[in-house]
Amino acid sequence: MLKLLHIKKLICKVLTCLMPYKQRILYREALYWFSFADYFRFKNANYHIVSLGSNCLPRGLTTAIKLKPRRFYGEKSCVFDLYISNIKRNIELIENDFTRYADSMKVNLTSTLFDKYFC
């Protein structure tokens, strides 16, 4: 089984070697993880999972165990997928219909994460 996965990974690398870097990474991920069985199962599902955790861990775990589709199956990010907060804040946002959702966000247009961590 492990040998088949190595062969699949090699085929993905060969098929995408001439693409620009950002596209190459996305397409390699899609080619490596894609399966028609999962695609049709997610397309025919009559449920939608919205993670309500305080960070991105619930999204990652539900995707890893195939309860929630990956982004190349067409799954969009939900509100709390990439939002780091506490559970009380999430409950408050839901009760108030997200009226103060952007109030606690801090936007810094002068520096990037790269500047913060690598410079």
N, C-alpha and C. Protein backbone atom coordinates (compact mmCIF):
# COMPACT_ATOMS: atom_id res chain seq x y z
N MET A 1 0.82 -1.20 0.00
CA MET A 1 0.00 0.00 0.00
C MET A 1 0.86 1.26 0.00
N LEU A 2 1.92 1.24 0.81
CA LEU A 2 2.80 2.40 0.89
C LEU A 2 3.48 2.67 -0.44
N LYS A 3 3.83 1.61 -1.15
CA LYS A 3 4.47 1.77 -2.46
C LYS A 3 3.52 2.44 -3.46
N LEU A 4 2.24 2.10 -3.40
CA LEU A 4 1.26 2.72 -4.28
C LEU A 4 1.12 4.22 -4.00
N LEU A 5 1.18 4.59 -2.73
CA LEU A 5 1.10 6.01 -2.39
C LEU A 5 2.33 6.78 -2.88
N HIS A 6 3.49 6.15 -2.82
CA HIS A 6 4.70 6.80 -3.35
C HIS A 6 4.62 6.97 -4.86
N ILE A 7 4.08 5.98 -5.54
CA ILE A 7 3.91 6.08 -6.99
C ILE A 7 2.91 7.17 -7.33
N LYS A 8 1.81 7.24 -6.57
CA LYS A 8 0.80 8.28 -6.80
C LYS A 8 1.40 9.67 -6.59
N LYS A 9 2.22 9.81 -5.56
CA LYS A 9 2.87 11.09 -5.29
C LYS A 9 3.83 11.47 -6.42
N LEU A 10 4.58 10.52 -6.93
CA LEU A 10 5.50 10.77 -8.03
C LEU A 10 4.75 11.20 -9.29
N ILE A 11 3.64 10.55 -9.58
CA ILE A 11 2.83 10.91 -10.76
C ILE A 11 2.30 12.34 -10.61
N CYS A 12 1.85 12.70 -9.41
CA CYS A 12 1.36 14.06 -9.16
C CYS A 12 2.47 15.09 -9.39
N LYS A 13 3.67 14.78 -8.95
CA LYS A 13 4.79 15.71 -9.13
C LYS A 13 5.16 15.86 -10.60
N VAL A 14 5.15 14.76 -11.34
CA VAL A 14 5.49 14.82 -12.76
C VAL A 14 4.45 15.61 -13.54
N LEU A 15 3.17 15.40 -13.23
CA LEU A 15 2.10 16.10 -13.96
C LEU A 15 2.08 17.60 -13.69
N THR A 16 2.60 18.03 -12.54
CA THR A 16 2.51 19.45 -12.18
C THR A 16 3.85 20.17 -12.14
N CYS A 17 4.90 19.58 -12.64
CA CYS A 17 6.24 20.16 -12.49
C CYS A 17 6.43 21.47 -13.23
N LEU A 18 5.68 21.75 -14.28
CA LEU A 18 5.86 22.97 -15.06
C LEU A 18 4.94 24.12 -14.65
N MET A 19 4.11 23.91 -13.67
CA MET A 19 3.18 24.94 -13.23
C MET A 19 3.86 25.95 -12.32
N PRO A 20 3.31 27.16 -12.21
CA PRO A 20 3.81 28.12 -11.22
C PRO A 20 3.64 27.55 -9.81
N TYR A 21 4.45 28.03 -8.88
CA TYR A 21 4.55 27.43 -7.55
C TYR A 21 3.21 27.31 -6.83
N LYS A 22 2.44 28.40 -6.73
CA LYS A 22 1.18 28.36 -5.97
C LYS A 22 0.18 27.39 -6.59
N GLN A 23 0.07 27.40 -7.91
CA GLN A 23 -0.83 26.47 -8.57
C GLN A 23 -0.34 25.04 -8.42
N ARG A 24 0.96 24.85 -8.51
CA ARG A 24 1.54 23.52 -8.41
C ARG A 24 1.20 22.87 -7.06
N ILE A 25 1.32 23.62 -5.98
CA ILE A 25 1.02 23.08 -4.66
C ILE A 25 -0.45 22.70 -4.55
N LEU A 26 -1.34 23.57 -5.03
CA LEU A 26 -2.78 23.31 -4.96
C LEU A 26 -3.15 22.09 -5.80
N TYR A 27 -2.62 22.01 -7.02
CA TYR A 27 -2.96 20.89 -7.90
C TYR A 27 -2.37 19.57 -7.40
N ARG A 28 -1.18 19.62 -6.81
CA ARG A 28 -0.61 18.39 -6.26
C ARG A 28 -1.45 17.86 -5.11
N GLU A 29 -1.91 18.78 -4.27
CA GLU A 29 -2.77 18.37 -3.16
C GLU A 29 -4.07 17.75 -3.69
N ALA A 30 -4.66 18.39 -4.68
CA ALA A 30 -5.92 17.90 -5.24
C ALA A 30 -5.73 16.54 -5.90
N LEU A 31 -4.68 16.38 -6.69
CA LEU A 31 -4.45 15.11 -7.36
C LEU A 31 -4.14 13.99 -6.37
N TYR A 32 -3.42 14.31 -5.33
CA TYR A 32 -3.02 13.28 -4.38
C TYR A 32 -4.20 12.81 -3.52
N TRP A 33 -5.03 13.73 -3.05
CA TRP A 33 -6.11 13.37 -2.13
C TRP A 33 -7.44 13.07 -2.81
N PHE A 34 -7.58 13.40 -4.08
CA PHE A 34 -8.87 13.27 -4.76
C PHE A 34 -9.26 11.81 -4.95
N SER A 35 -10.54 11.52 -4.72
CA SER A 35 -11.10 10.22 -5.08
C SER A 35 -12.54 10.44 -5.54
N PHE A 36 -12.95 9.71 -6.56
CA PHE A 36 -14.30 9.86 -7.08
C PHE A 36 -15.35 9.42 -6.06
N ALA A 37 -15.03 8.42 -5.27
CA ALA A 37 -15.98 7.95 -4.25
C ALA A 37 -16.29 9.07 -3.25
N ASP A 38 -15.24 9.75 -2.77
CA ASP A 38 -15.46 10.87 -1.85
C ASP A 38 -16.19 12.01 -2.52
N TYR A 39 -15.83 12.30 -3.77
CA TYR A 39 -16.47 13.40 -4.50
C TYR A 39 -17.98 13.18 -4.59
N PHE A 40 -18.41 12.01 -5.00
CA PHE A 40 -19.84 11.75 -5.15
C PHE A 40 -20.53 11.66 -3.78
N ARG A 41 -19.83 11.16 -2.77
CA ARG A 41 -20.42 11.10 -1.43
C ARG A 41 -20.68 12.50 -0.89
N PHE A 42 -19.73 13.42 -1.09
CA PHE A 42 -19.91 14.80 -0.60
C PHE A 42 -20.93 15.55 -1.44
N LYS A 43 -20.98 15.29 -2.74
CA LYS A 43 -21.97 15.96 -3.59
C LYS A 43 -23.39 15.54 -3.25
N ASN A 44 -23.57 14.28 -2.88
CA ASN A 44 -24.91 13.77 -2.59
C ASN A 44 -25.29 13.88 -1.11
N ALA A 45 -24.42 14.42 -0.30
CA ALA A 45 -24.71 14.55 1.14
C ALA A 45 -25.79 15.60 1.36
N ASN A 46 -26.67 15.32 2.31
CA ASN A 46 -27.73 16.29 2.62
C ASN A 46 -27.47 16.97 3.96
N TYR A 47 -26.23 17.18 4.29
CA TYR A 47 -25.84 17.87 5.51
C TYR A 47 -24.68 18.81 5.22
N HIS A 48 -24.48 19.75 6.12
CA HIS A 48 -23.36 20.69 6.02
C HIS A 48 -22.80 20.91 7.42
N ILE A 49 -21.52 20.64 7.59
CA ILE A 49 -20.90 20.75 8.91
C ILE A 49 -20.27 22.13 9.05
N VAL A 50 -20.65 22.82 10.12
CA VAL A 50 -20.06 24.12 10.44
C VAL A 50 -19.35 23.97 11.78
N SER A 51 -18.03 24.18 11.76
CA SER A 51 -17.28 24.04 13.01
C SER A 51 -17.49 25.27 13.88
N LEU A 52 -17.69 25.05 15.16
CA LEU A 52 -17.92 26.13 16.12
C LEU A 52 -16.81 26.21 17.15
N GLY A 53 -15.65 25.70 16.83
CA GLY A 53 -14.55 25.70 17.78
C GLY A 53 -13.92 27.06 17.95
N SER A 54 -12.94 27.11 18.82
CA SER A 54 -12.28 28.38 19.11
C SER A 54 -11.03 28.59 18.26
N ASN A 55 -10.72 27.66 17.37
CA ASN A 55 -9.61 27.80 16.43
C ASN A 55 -9.88 26.91 15.22
N CYS A 56 -8.87 26.66 14.41
CA CYS A 56 -9.07 25.90 13.17
C CYS A 56 -8.98 24.39 13.37
N LEU A 57 -8.76 23.91 14.59
CA LEU A 57 -8.62 22.47 14.84
C LEU A 57 -9.88 21.68 14.49
N PRO A 58 -11.10 22.11 14.85
CA PRO A 58 -12.29 21.33 14.47
C PRO A 58 -12.43 21.17 12.95
N ARG A 59 -12.11 22.20 12.21
CA ARG A 59 -12.17 22.10 10.74
C ARG A 59 -11.15 21.07 10.25
N GLY A 60 -9.94 21.14 10.77
CA GLY A 60 -8.90 20.21 10.35
C GLY A 60 -9.22 18.76 10.69
N LEU A 61 -9.77 18.53 11.88
CA LEU A 61 -10.08 17.17 12.29
C LEU A 61 -11.25 16.58 11.50
N THR A 62 -12.29 17.37 11.29
CA THR A 62 -13.43 16.85 10.52
C THR A 62 -13.06 16.61 9.06
N THR A 63 -12.12 17.38 8.54
CA THR A 63 -11.63 17.14 7.18
C THR A 63 -10.75 15.90 7.14
N ALA A 64 -9.92 15.71 8.14
CA ALA A 64 -9.00 14.57 8.17
C ALA A 64 -9.74 13.24 8.24
N ILE A 65 -10.86 13.19 8.95
CA ILE A 65 -11.60 11.93 9.06
C ILE A 65 -12.74 11.85 8.04
N LYS A 66 -12.74 12.72 7.08
CA LYS A 66 -13.65 12.73 5.93
C LYS A 66 -15.12 12.95 6.30
N LEU A 67 -15.37 13.73 7.35
CA LEU A 67 -16.73 14.18 7.63
C LEU A 67 -17.05 15.44 6.86
N LYS A 68 -16.04 16.24 6.60
CA LYS A 68 -16.18 17.52 5.91
C LYS A 68 -15.29 17.46 4.67
N PRO A 69 -15.78 17.91 3.51
CA PRO A 69 -14.98 17.83 2.29
C PRO A 69 -13.81 18.81 2.29
N ARG A 70 -12.81 18.50 1.51
CA ARG A 70 -11.66 19.39 1.35
C ARG A 70 -12.03 20.52 0.40
N ARG A 71 -11.16 21.53 0.32
CA ARG A 71 -11.49 22.71 -0.49
C ARG A 71 -11.57 22.40 -1.97
N PHE A 72 -10.82 21.42 -2.48
CA PHE A 72 -10.89 21.14 -3.91
C PHE A 72 -12.14 20.36 -4.29
N TYR A 73 -12.92 19.90 -3.31
CA TYR A 73 -14.24 19.34 -3.59
C TYR A 73 -15.30 20.44 -3.64
N GLY A 74 -14.91 21.67 -3.40
CA GLY A 74 -15.82 22.80 -3.48
C GLY A 74 -16.28 23.33 -2.14
N GLU A 75 -15.71 22.83 -1.04
CA GLU A 75 -16.12 23.28 0.29
C GLU A 75 -15.57 24.68 0.57
N LYS A 76 -16.44 25.57 0.95
CA LYS A 76 -16.05 26.93 1.30
C LYS A 76 -15.73 27.01 2.78
N SER A 77 -14.90 27.95 3.16
CA SER A 77 -14.60 28.16 4.58
C SER A 77 -15.80 28.81 5.26
N CYS A 78 -16.10 28.34 6.43
CA CYS A 78 -17.18 28.93 7.21
C CYS A 78 -16.61 29.98 8.16
N VAL A 79 -17.46 30.64 8.88
CA VAL A 79 -17.08 31.78 9.70
C VAL A 79 -16.02 31.42 10.74
N PHE A 80 -16.19 30.32 11.45
CA PHE A 80 -15.29 29.99 12.55
C PHE A 80 -14.14 29.07 12.15
N ASP A 81 -13.99 28.75 10.89
CA ASP A 81 -12.93 27.83 10.46
C ASP A 81 -11.54 28.40 10.72
N LEU A 82 -11.34 29.65 10.45
CA LEU A 82 -10.02 30.26 10.61
C LEU A 82 -10.01 31.38 11.65
N TYR A 83 -11.03 31.41 12.48
CA TYR A 83 -11.21 32.49 13.46
C TYR A 83 -10.78 31.99 14.83
N ILE A 84 -9.85 32.66 15.46
CA ILE A 84 -9.37 32.26 16.78
C ILE A 84 -10.06 33.13 17.83
N SER A 85 -10.84 32.49 18.67
CA SER A 85 -11.57 33.20 19.73
C SER A 85 -11.90 32.21 20.83
N ASN A 86 -12.71 32.64 21.77
CA ASN A 86 -13.18 31.71 22.78
C ASN A 86 -14.63 31.34 22.49
N ILE A 87 -15.10 30.29 23.12
CA ILE A 87 -16.44 29.78 22.84
C ILE A 87 -17.51 30.79 23.24
N LYS A 88 -17.31 31.52 24.34
CA LYS A 88 -18.28 32.52 24.76
C LYS A 88 -18.46 33.60 23.70
N ARG A 89 -17.36 34.00 23.07
CA ARG A 89 -17.43 35.01 22.00
C ARG A 89 -18.20 34.45 20.79
N ASN A 90 -17.98 33.17 20.46
CA ASN A 90 -18.71 32.56 19.35
C ASN A 90 -20.22 32.52 19.62
N ILE A 91 -20.58 32.18 20.84
CA ILE A 91 -22.01 32.14 21.20
C ILE A 91 -22.61 33.55 21.12
N GLU A 92 -21.87 34.53 21.60
CA GLU A 92 -22.33 35.92 21.54
C GLU A 92 -22.54 36.37 20.09
N LEU A 93 -21.62 36.01 19.21
CA LEU A 93 -21.75 36.38 17.80
C LEU A 93 -22.98 35.75 17.17
N ILE A 94 -23.22 34.49 17.47
CA ILE A 94 -24.39 33.81 16.90
C ILE A 94 -25.68 34.42 17.42
N GLU A 95 -25.75 34.71 18.72
CA GLU A 95 -26.96 35.29 19.30
C GLU A 95 -27.25 36.68 18.74
N ASN A 96 -26.22 37.45 18.41
CA ASN A 96 -26.41 38.82 17.91
C ASN A 96 -26.33 38.92 16.40
N ASP A 97 -26.46 37.81 15.70
CA ASP A 97 -26.43 37.77 14.23
C ASP A 97 -25.18 38.43 13.65
N PHE A 98 -24.05 38.25 14.30
CA PHE A 98 -22.74 38.72 13.83
C PHE A 98 -22.67 40.23 13.65
N THR A 99 -23.43 40.98 14.44
CA THR A 99 -23.43 42.44 14.28
C THR A 99 -22.09 43.05 14.66
N ARG A 100 -21.38 42.47 15.63
CA ARG A 100 -20.09 43.02 16.05
C ARG A 100 -18.94 42.08 15.69
N TYR A 101 -19.06 41.37 14.58
CA TYR A 101 -18.07 40.38 14.18
C TYR A 101 -16.71 41.01 13.89
N ALA A 102 -16.69 42.10 13.17
CA ALA A 102 -15.42 42.71 12.76
C ALA A 102 -14.86 43.68 13.80
N ASP A 103 -15.58 43.92 14.89
CA ASP A 103 -15.10 44.88 15.89
C ASP A 103 -13.82 44.43 16.58
N SER A 104 -13.69 43.13 16.83
CA SER A 104 -12.53 42.65 17.57
C SER A 104 -11.34 42.31 16.66
N MET A 105 -11.50 42.47 15.36
CA MET A 105 -10.41 42.15 14.44
C MET A 105 -9.41 43.29 14.38
N LYS A 106 -8.16 42.93 14.39
CA LYS A 106 -7.10 43.92 14.29
C LYS A 106 -6.45 43.80 12.92
N VAL A 107 -6.48 44.86 12.16
CA VAL A 107 -5.91 44.86 10.82
C VAL A 107 -4.69 45.77 10.81
N ASN A 108 -3.59 45.24 10.36
CA ASN A 108 -2.37 46.01 10.26
C ASN A 108 -1.92 45.98 8.81
N LEU A 109 -2.09 47.08 8.11
CA LEU A 109 -1.77 47.13 6.70
C LEU A 109 -0.31 47.45 6.42
N THR A 110 0.46 47.80 7.45
CA THR A 110 1.85 48.19 7.22
C THR A 110 2.83 47.03 7.27
N SER A 111 2.50 45.96 7.97
CA SER A 111 3.41 44.82 8.02
C SER A 111 2.67 43.54 7.71
N THR A 112 3.41 42.51 7.37
CA THR A 112 2.82 41.22 7.06
C THR A 112 3.28 40.21 8.10
N LEU A 113 2.71 39.02 8.05
CA LEU A 113 3.14 37.97 8.96
C LEU A 113 4.60 37.62 8.71
N PHE A 114 5.03 37.70 7.46
CA PHE A 114 6.42 37.41 7.14
C PHE A 114 7.35 38.39 7.87
N ASP A 115 6.98 39.67 7.85
CA ASP A 115 7.79 40.67 8.55
C ASP A 115 7.85 40.39 10.05
N LYS A 116 6.73 39.95 10.60
CA LYS A 116 6.64 39.73 12.05
C LYS A 116 7.51 38.56 12.50
N TYR A 117 7.51 37.48 11.72
CA TYR A 117 8.16 36.27 12.19
C TYR A 117 9.55 36.02 11.57
N PHE A 118 9.83 36.60 10.43
CA PHE A 118 11.08 36.24 9.75
C PHE A 118 12.05 37.38 9.57
N CYS A 119 11.71 38.59 9.99
CA CYS A 119 12.63 39.72 9.81
C CYS A 119 13.16 40.21 11.13
